[in-house]
């Protein structure tokens, strides 16, 4: 295929040049024949030459048809072979689903050769660099979100195992969600992030940007059967503590492990050799109280598998206690208020054990729902 990429364009240029040359000769012959037809003297003096030109004209026209037909046939054969080779290669690269195996993002070649490649690439950039499009100087809709990018919560543009990834979105949506009490689609779920995690305005569900984001999310689910949730989806579950998570202890963890990137004030420091900054963890530029990460179990799972810089589910750097405590510290800091407090969880019995706002279907205090210990609450609902 790589060889054909070079040689076939050259071949087409050579064939095209020959055909153009022949057509020029044919045009000259036609001009001479037309002139001779008007001049009896020329016809009488050059009968043999006119006969030869007539035969030559037939030969040249036949040759032109053969060259064009041959070129089209060669192009069709080559194109069909290339498409077949591409389809076979793509089929080999589609990951085989294994529920016992940690799921990884598909091979980038599948995105680059997809019929929707441009949309997938645009969708990935929207998620990785959301500020460039919707931030203060955004190209699409300036000043409509806080200071976060989608991938600040969905690491590696939503492709990292246990990094709040998108692996199961296409396979599990549309689905009923207790938070809204409705059947939610992928665009609705994306707009949830725009309104909560990025404390901003939703985007038009029919827009080019929403279609691109959905195309990228769907591509990340390549190979995942409908209804399945691959291992490594979402966030790590951190074992419960037998005590409440402690913001004071978490402050010590933050100072030792997090402040080098996020700053002592939690507002994020400049990234080395980059015009971008690490994200703010609290304050007006961070996620609001309606975001998923405002639930302690979600934040603890996020930092356990991914923080500080360099950590992964294979190489965690915080203990379970440190993960819970730093989550308690960060989520005890001020941030934008919950904008949907009177709308979320229409059936309060479906509220998660760590939803930090009442009322509840149980008798545990709001403080325990926020900081724990959570095991007694979970046990209550299991009964």
Protein backbone atom coordinates (compact mmCIF):
# COMPACT_ATOMS: atom_id res chain seq x y z
CA UNK A 1 0.00 0.00 0.00
CA UNK A 2 2.82 2.41 0.83
CA UNK A 3 4.52 1.64 -2.51
CA UNK A 4 1.27 2.15 -4.41
CA UNK A 5 0.79 5.48 -2.63
CA UNK A 6 3.92 6.70 -4.44
CA UNK A 7 3.86 4.86 -7.78
CA UNK A 8 0.21 5.01 -8.76
CA UNK A 9 -0.09 8.82 -8.71
CA UNK A 10 3.03 8.97 -10.94
CA UNK A 11 1.49 6.36 -13.26
CA UNK A 12 -1.75 8.33 -13.49
CA UNK A 13 0.21 11.48 -14.37
CA UNK A 14 2.10 9.66 -17.14
CA UNK A 15 -1.11 8.17 -18.55
CA UNK A 16 -2.84 11.55 -18.36
CA UNK A 17 0.06 13.22 -20.18
CA UNK A 18 -0.02 10.59 -22.95
CA UNK A 19 -3.79 10.94 -23.32
CA UNK A 20 -3.54 14.74 -23.47
CA UNK A 21 -0.81 14.45 -26.13
CA UNK A 22 -2.87 12.02 -28.20
CA UNK A 23 -5.92 14.25 -27.93
CA UNK A 24 -3.82 17.17 -29.16
CA UNK A 25 -2.73 15.12 -32.21
CA UNK A 26 -6.32 14.02 -32.82
CA UNK A 27 -7.44 17.63 -32.65
CA UNK A 28 -4.76 18.57 -35.24
CA UNK A 29 -5.87 15.78 -37.57
CA UNK A 30 -9.49 16.83 -37.25
CA UNK A 31 -8.50 20.40 -38.08
CA UNK A 32 -6.59 19.25 -41.20
CA UNK A 33 -9.50 17.06 -42.31
CA UNK A 34 -11.91 19.95 -41.83
CA UNK A 35 -9.65 22.23 -43.90
CA UNK A 36 -9.29 19.61 -46.65
CA UNK A 37 -13.04 19.11 -46.80
CA UNK A 38 -13.43 22.78 -47.78
CA UNK A 39 -10.57 22.76 -50.35
CA UNK A 40 -11.03 20.54 -53.41
CA UNK A 41 -7.43 21.12 -54.57
CA UNK A 42 -6.04 19.75 -51.31
CA UNK A 43 -8.35 16.73 -51.53
CA UNK A 44 -7.26 15.97 -55.06
CA UNK A 45 -3.50 16.33 -54.35
CA UNK A 46 -3.40 14.43 -51.03
CA UNK A 47 -5.82 11.48 -51.29
CA UNK A 48 -3.21 9.00 -49.94
CA UNK A 49 -2.27 11.26 -47.03
CA UNK A 50 -5.92 11.78 -46.11
CA UNK A 51 -6.52 8.03 -46.11
CA UNK A 52 -3.48 7.46 -43.88
CA UNK A 53 -4.65 10.22 -41.50
CA UNK A 54 -8.08 8.60 -41.33
CA UNK A 55 -6.57 5.27 -40.33
CA UNK A 56 -4.20 7.01 -37.90
CA UNK A 57 -7.12 8.87 -36.40
CA UNK A 58 -8.91 5.57 -35.79
CA UNK A 59 -5.79 4.09 -34.19
CA UNK A 60 -5.30 7.12 -31.92
CA UNK A 61 -8.93 7.22 -30.83
CA UNK A 62 -8.86 3.50 -30.09
CA UNK A 63 -5.62 3.92 -28.13
CA UNK A 64 -7.15 6.78 -26.13
CA UNK A 65 -10.18 4.64 -25.21
CA UNK A 66 -7.91 1.75 -24.21
CA UNK A 67 -5.67 3.98 -22.07
CA UNK A 68 -8.63 5.58 -20.29
CA UNK A 69 -10.41 2.24 -19.78
CA UNK A 70 -7.19 0.60 -18.64
CA UNK A 71 -6.46 3.41 -16.22
CA UNK A 72 -9.94 3.25 -14.74
CA UNK A 73 -9.72 -0.55 -14.45
CA UNK A 74 -6.30 -0.37 -12.79
CA UNK A 75 -7.57 2.28 -10.38
CA UNK A 76 -10.63 0.19 -9.52
CA UNK A 77 -8.57 -2.97 -8.95
CA UNK A 78 -6.02 -1.13 -6.83
CA UNK A 79 -8.71 0.70 -4.86
CA UNK A 80 -10.60 -2.55 -4.19
CA UNK A 81 -7.42 -4.30 -3.08
CA UNK A 82 -6.50 -1.39 -0.81
CA UNK A 83 -9.97 -1.34 0.75
CA UNK A 84 -9.81 -5.10 1.32
CA UNK A 85 -6.36 -4.86 2.91
CA UNK A 86 -7.53 -1.96 5.11
CA UNK A 87 -10.66 -3.85 6.18
CA UNK A 88 -8.60 -6.95 7.07
CA UNK A 89 -6.11 -4.86 9.06
CA UNK A 90 -8.87 -3.01 10.90
CA UNK A 91 -10.60 -6.31 11.70
CA UNK A 92 -7.37 -7.63 13.25
CA UNK A 93 -7.01 -4.48 15.40
CA UNK A 94 -10.53 -4.50 16.85
CA UNK A 95 -10.02 -5.64 20.46
CA UNK A 96 -11.66 -8.86 21.57
CA UNK A 97 -13.86 -8.31 24.60
CA UNK A 98 -12.71 -10.14 27.72
CA UNK A 99 -14.67 -9.28 30.90
CA UNK A 100 -11.77 -10.51 33.06
CA UNK A 101 -9.16 -8.31 31.37
CA UNK A 102 -8.48 -4.64 32.07
CA UNK A 103 -9.81 -2.85 29.02
CA UNK A 104 -7.54 -0.53 27.04
CA UNK A 105 -8.31 2.18 24.49
CA UNK A 106 -8.54 0.93 20.88
CA UNK A 107 -5.54 1.19 18.56
CA UNK A 108 -5.32 4.81 17.25
CA UNK A 109 -5.07 3.43 13.70
CA UNK A 110 -8.75 2.47 13.95
CA UNK A 111 -9.61 6.13 14.52
CA UNK A 112 -7.26 7.41 11.82
CA UNK A 113 -8.76 5.06 9.19
CA UNK A 114 -12.38 5.35 10.30
CA UNK A 115 -14.89 6.78 7.85
CA UNK A 116 -15.62 9.36 10.55
CA UNK A 117 -11.94 10.05 11.30
CA UNK A 118 -12.17 13.87 11.23
CA UNK A 119 -15.09 13.94 13.65
CA UNK A 120 -13.37 11.50 16.01
CA UNK A 121 -10.19 13.60 16.01
CA UNK A 122 -12.17 16.79 16.62
CA UNK A 123 -14.11 15.15 19.44
CA UNK A 124 -10.90 14.08 21.13
CA UNK A 125 -9.48 17.60 20.92
CA UNK A 126 -12.68 19.06 22.36
CA UNK A 127 -12.32 16.75 25.37
CA UNK A 128 -8.56 17.23 25.78
CA UNK A 129 -8.56 21.02 25.25
CA UNK A 130 -12.08 22.13 26.13
CA UNK A 131 -10.78 25.55 27.20
CA UNK A 132 -9.66 26.25 23.64
CA UNK A 133 -13.27 26.05 22.46
CA UNK A 134 -15.46 27.06 25.43
CA UNK A 135 -13.04 28.76 27.87
CA UNK A 136 -12.46 32.46 28.39
CA UNK A 137 -11.02 32.92 24.88
CA UNK A 138 -12.84 29.93 23.34
CA UNK A 139 -13.16 29.58 19.59
CA UNK A 140 -16.73 28.21 19.65
CA UNK A 141 -18.45 29.86 22.61
CA UNK A 142 -16.15 32.02 24.75
CA UNK A 143 -16.51 32.23 28.51
CA UNK A 144 -19.19 29.57 28.88
CA UNK A 145 -17.41 27.15 31.28
CA UNK A 146 -15.11 27.27 34.30
CA UNK A 147 -11.33 26.71 34.14
CA UNK A 148 -11.46 22.93 33.57
CA UNK A 149 -11.05 20.73 30.51
CA UNK A 150 -13.08 17.53 30.17
CA UNK A 151 -9.92 15.45 30.51
CA UNK A 152 -9.13 16.97 33.90
CA UNK A 153 -11.78 14.57 35.20
CA UNK A 154 -11.66 12.03 32.33
CA UNK A 155 -7.93 11.40 32.10
CA UNK A 156 -6.08 10.97 28.79
CA UNK A 157 -9.20 12.25 27.02
CA UNK A 158 -11.30 9.56 28.69
CA UNK A 159 -9.05 6.67 27.66
CA UNK A 160 -7.20 5.75 30.88
CA UNK A 161 -8.21 2.60 32.79
CA UNK A 162 -9.74 3.62 36.13
CA UNK A 163 -9.25 7.23 35.01
CA UNK A 164 -12.99 7.99 34.76
CA UNK A 165 -12.91 6.74 31.18
CA UNK A 166 -15.65 6.46 28.56
CA UNK A 167 -15.22 2.76 27.73
CA UNK A 168 -18.78 1.76 28.71
CA UNK A 169 -20.69 4.84 27.58
CA UNK A 170 -21.73 3.58 24.14
CA UNK A 171 -22.49 0.10 25.45
CA UNK A 172 -24.71 1.25 28.36
CA UNK A 173 -26.46 4.38 27.03
CA UNK A 174 -29.29 5.31 26.75
CA UNK A 175 -30.04 4.29 30.34
CA UNK A 176 -32.26 5.22 33.25
CA UNK A 177 -30.43 7.30 35.85
CA UNK A 178 -31.66 7.81 39.37
CA UNK A 179 -30.18 11.30 39.57
CA UNK A 180 -32.52 12.68 36.91
CA UNK A 181 -35.18 9.97 37.11
CA UNK A 182 -35.20 9.84 33.30
CA UNK A 183 -33.80 7.87 30.38
CA UNK A 184 -30.58 9.69 29.47
CA UNK A 185 -28.76 9.74 26.11
CA UNK A 186 -25.07 10.34 25.48
CA UNK A 187 -25.62 14.05 24.59
CA UNK A 188 -27.64 14.52 27.79
CA UNK A 189 -24.83 12.92 29.80
CA UNK A 190 -22.23 15.13 28.10
CA UNK A 191 -24.26 18.22 28.95
CA UNK A 192 -24.42 17.07 32.56
CA UNK A 193 -20.65 17.46 32.65
CA UNK A 194 -20.82 20.90 31.04
CA UNK A 195 -23.34 22.08 33.63
CA UNK A 196 -21.85 20.37 36.69
CA UNK A 197 -18.17 19.53 36.39
CA UNK A 198 -17.49 22.59 34.25
CA UNK A 199 -20.15 24.73 35.96
CA UNK A 200 -21.20 26.09 32.58
CA UNK A 201 -23.86 26.11 29.92
CA UNK A 202 -25.01 23.02 27.99
CA UNK A 203 -24.17 22.80 24.30
CA UNK A 204 -26.64 22.29 21.46
CA UNK A 205 -27.24 18.54 21.18
CA UNK A 206 -27.42 18.83 17.38
CA UNK A 207 -24.22 20.89 17.08
CA UNK A 208 -21.08 19.82 15.25
CA UNK A 209 -19.23 19.81 18.57
CA UNK A 210 -21.71 17.48 20.30
CA UNK A 211 -21.66 15.13 17.31
CA UNK A 212 -17.86 15.08 17.39
CA UNK A 213 -17.71 14.36 21.12
CA UNK A 214 -20.24 11.54 20.71
CA UNK A 215 -18.28 10.13 17.74
CA UNK A 216 -15.09 10.02 19.81
CA UNK A 217 -16.83 8.46 22.82
CA UNK A 218 -18.39 5.81 20.56
CA UNK A 219 -14.99 5.06 19.02
CA UNK A 220 -13.50 4.50 22.48
CA UNK A 221 -16.11 1.74 22.95
CA UNK A 222 -14.90 -0.13 19.85
CA UNK A 223 -15.14 -3.86 20.58
CA UNK A 224 -17.34 -3.52 23.68
CA UNK A 225 -20.61 -5.48 23.23
CA UNK A 226 -23.88 -3.70 23.95
CA UNK A 227 -24.81 -3.93 27.61
CA UNK A 228 -21.29 -4.84 28.77
CA UNK A 229 -19.15 -2.81 31.15
CA UNK A 230 -15.44 -3.60 30.69
CA UNK A 231 -13.12 -4.13 33.61
CA UNK A 232 -11.29 -0.87 34.32
CA UNK A 233 -14.29 1.29 33.41
CA UNK A 234 -14.92 4.41 35.43
CA UNK A 235 -13.11 4.73 38.77
CA UNK A 236 -11.43 2.45 41.29
CA UNK A 237 -13.47 1.43 44.32
CA UNK A 238 -11.54 2.24 47.50
CA UNK A 239 -12.33 0.11 50.58
CA UNK A 240 -14.32 1.98 53.23
CA UNK A 241 -12.68 3.35 56.35
CA UNK A 242 -14.07 2.44 59.76
CA UNK A 243 -14.03 6.15 60.60
CA UNK A 244 -15.10 9.38 58.93
CA UNK A 245 -12.71 10.75 56.32
CA UNK A 246 -10.71 13.54 57.93
CA UNK A 247 -10.19 16.88 56.10
CA UNK A 248 -7.42 17.87 58.55
CA UNK A 249 -5.41 14.75 57.75
CA UNK A 250 -6.25 15.29 54.10
CA UNK A 251 -4.74 18.76 54.22
CA UNK A 252 -1.42 17.21 55.20
CA UNK A 253 -1.66 14.74 52.31
CA UNK A 254 -2.50 17.59 49.93
CA UNK A 255 0.49 19.65 51.05
CA UNK A 256 2.86 16.70 50.63
CA UNK A 257 1.48 15.11 47.45
CA UNK A 258 -0.74 17.55 45.54
CA UNK A 259 0.35 21.15 46.10
CA UNK A 260 3.37 20.80 43.79
CA UNK A 261 0.96 20.78 40.81
CA UNK A 262 -2.27 22.30 42.13
CA UNK A 263 -0.67 24.95 44.37
CA UNK A 264 -1.07 25.50 48.07
CA UNK A 265 -4.25 27.45 47.29
CA UNK A 266 -5.61 24.65 45.09
CA UNK A 267 -5.92 26.90 42.05
CA UNK A 268 -3.41 25.09 39.85
CA UNK A 269 0.12 25.98 38.80
CA UNK A 270 1.51 26.42 35.25
CA UNK A 271 2.55 23.18 33.57
CA UNK A 272 6.30 23.02 32.85
CA UNK A 273 7.15 23.96 29.24
CA UNK A 274 3.47 24.49 28.41
CA UNK A 275 1.07 27.45 28.17
CA UNK A 276 -1.51 25.37 30.08
CA UNK A 277 -2.10 25.04 33.82
CA UNK A 278 -2.95 22.22 36.19
CA UNK A 279 -6.66 22.42 37.06
CA UNK A 280 -8.09 24.24 40.09
CA UNK A 281 -9.54 21.84 42.68
CA UNK A 282 -11.83 24.32 44.43
CA UNK A 283 -13.07 27.86 44.13
CA UNK A 284 -15.14 29.45 41.33
CA UNK A 285 -12.98 27.91 38.59
CA UNK A 286 -13.56 24.31 39.67
CA UNK A 287 -16.45 21.81 39.58
CA UNK A 288 -19.65 22.68 41.41
CA UNK A 289 -21.42 20.75 44.19
CA UNK A 290 -23.56 18.85 41.67
CA UNK A 291 -20.55 17.20 40.00
CA UNK A 292 -19.84 13.50 40.43
CA UNK A 293 -16.44 14.19 42.00
CA UNK A 294 -18.15 16.04 44.85
CA UNK A 295 -19.13 12.59 46.11
CA UNK A 296 -16.30 11.40 48.37
CA UNK A 297 -16.15 7.84 46.99
CA UNK A 298 -15.77 9.19 43.46
CA UNK A 299 -12.96 11.57 44.38
CA UNK A 300 -11.19 8.97 46.54
CA UNK A 301 -11.31 6.45 43.66
CA UNK A 302 -10.05 9.08 41.25
CA UNK A 303 -6.98 10.03 43.31
CA UNK A 304 -6.23 6.47 44.44
CA UNK A 305 -5.63 5.21 40.88
CA UNK A 306 -4.30 8.39 39.29
CA UNK A 307 -2.69 10.81 41.75
CA UNK A 308 -0.18 12.23 42.36
CA UNK A 309 1.41 12.63 38.93
CA UNK A 310 2.70 9.29 37.62
CA UNK A 311 0.30 7.09 39.59
CA UNK A 312 -1.88 4.46 37.92
CA UNK A 313 -4.05 1.55 38.97
CA UNK A 314 -0.92 -0.60 38.59
CA UNK A 315 1.23 1.80 40.59
CA UNK A 316 -0.83 3.54 43.26
CA UNK A 317 1.02 6.04 45.44
CA UNK A 318 -1.54 6.90 48.12
CA UNK A 319 -2.85 4.59 50.84
CA UNK A 320 -6.61 4.06 51.10
CA UNK A 321 -6.72 6.34 54.15
CA UNK A 322 -4.79 9.07 52.33
CA UNK A 323 -7.15 8.84 49.34
CA UNK A 324 -10.26 9.23 51.52
CA UNK A 325 -8.75 12.00 53.65
CA UNK A 326 -7.47 14.12 50.75
CA UNK A 327 -10.87 13.72 49.08
CA UNK A 328 -12.49 15.01 52.27
CA UNK A 329 -10.11 17.97 52.36
CA UNK A 330 -10.66 19.00 48.73
CA UNK A 331 -14.43 18.58 48.92
CA UNK A 332 -14.63 20.58 52.15
CA UNK A 333 -13.25 23.64 50.37
CA UNK A 334 -15.59 26.30 48.86
CA UNK A 335 -16.85 25.87 45.31
CA UNK A 336 -19.92 26.85 43.24
CA UNK A 337 -23.18 25.76 44.84
CA UNK A 338 -25.40 22.93 43.63
CA UNK A 339 -27.59 24.39 40.82
CA UNK A 340 -29.99 21.40 40.65
CA UNK A 341 -30.58 20.66 44.33
CA UNK A 342 -34.38 20.66 43.99
CA UNK A 343 -34.36 18.56 40.81
CA UNK A 344 -31.89 15.75 41.41
CA UNK A 345 -32.90 12.37 42.84
CA UNK A 346 -36.69 12.64 42.55
CA UNK A 347 -36.76 9.24 44.26
CA UNK A 348 -34.63 9.90 47.35
CA UNK A 349 -34.31 6.18 48.06
CA UNK A 350 -31.98 5.97 45.06
CA UNK A 351 -29.50 8.54 46.39
CA UNK A 352 -25.94 7.15 46.68
CA UNK A 353 -24.62 6.43 50.15
CA UNK A 354 -22.25 9.42 49.91
CA UNK A 355 -24.62 11.98 48.39
CA UNK A 356 -23.85 14.95 50.65
CA UNK A 357 -27.29 16.61 50.54
CA UNK A 358 -30.49 15.46 52.26
CA UNK A 359 -33.23 14.54 52.65
CA UNK A 360 -32.60 10.78 52.89
CA UNK A 361 -34.66 7.63 53.16
CA UNK A 362 -32.58 6.69 56.21
CA UNK A 363 -31.83 8.27 59.57
CA UNK A 364 -28.09 8.78 59.15
CA UNK A 365 -27.02 12.44 59.47
CA UNK A 366 -25.96 14.49 56.47
CA UNK A 367 -22.42 14.78 57.88
CA UNK A 368 -22.06 10.99 57.78
CA UNK A 369 -23.37 10.87 54.21
CA UNK A 370 -20.65 13.37 53.31
CA UNK A 371 -17.61 12.06 55.21
CA UNK A 372 -18.58 8.59 56.45
CA UNK A 373 -18.17 6.08 57.86
CA UNK A 374 -20.14 4.69 54.93
CA UNK A 375 -20.30 0.97 55.70
CA UNK A 376 -23.30 1.30 58.08
CA UNK A 377 -25.24 3.27 55.45
CA UNK A 378 -24.56 0.69 52.75
CA UNK A 379 -25.52 -2.12 55.13
CA UNK A 380 -28.78 -0.35 55.96
CA UNK A 381 -29.85 -0.24 52.31
CA UNK A 382 -28.77 -3.82 51.65
CA UNK A 383 -31.31 -4.89 54.27
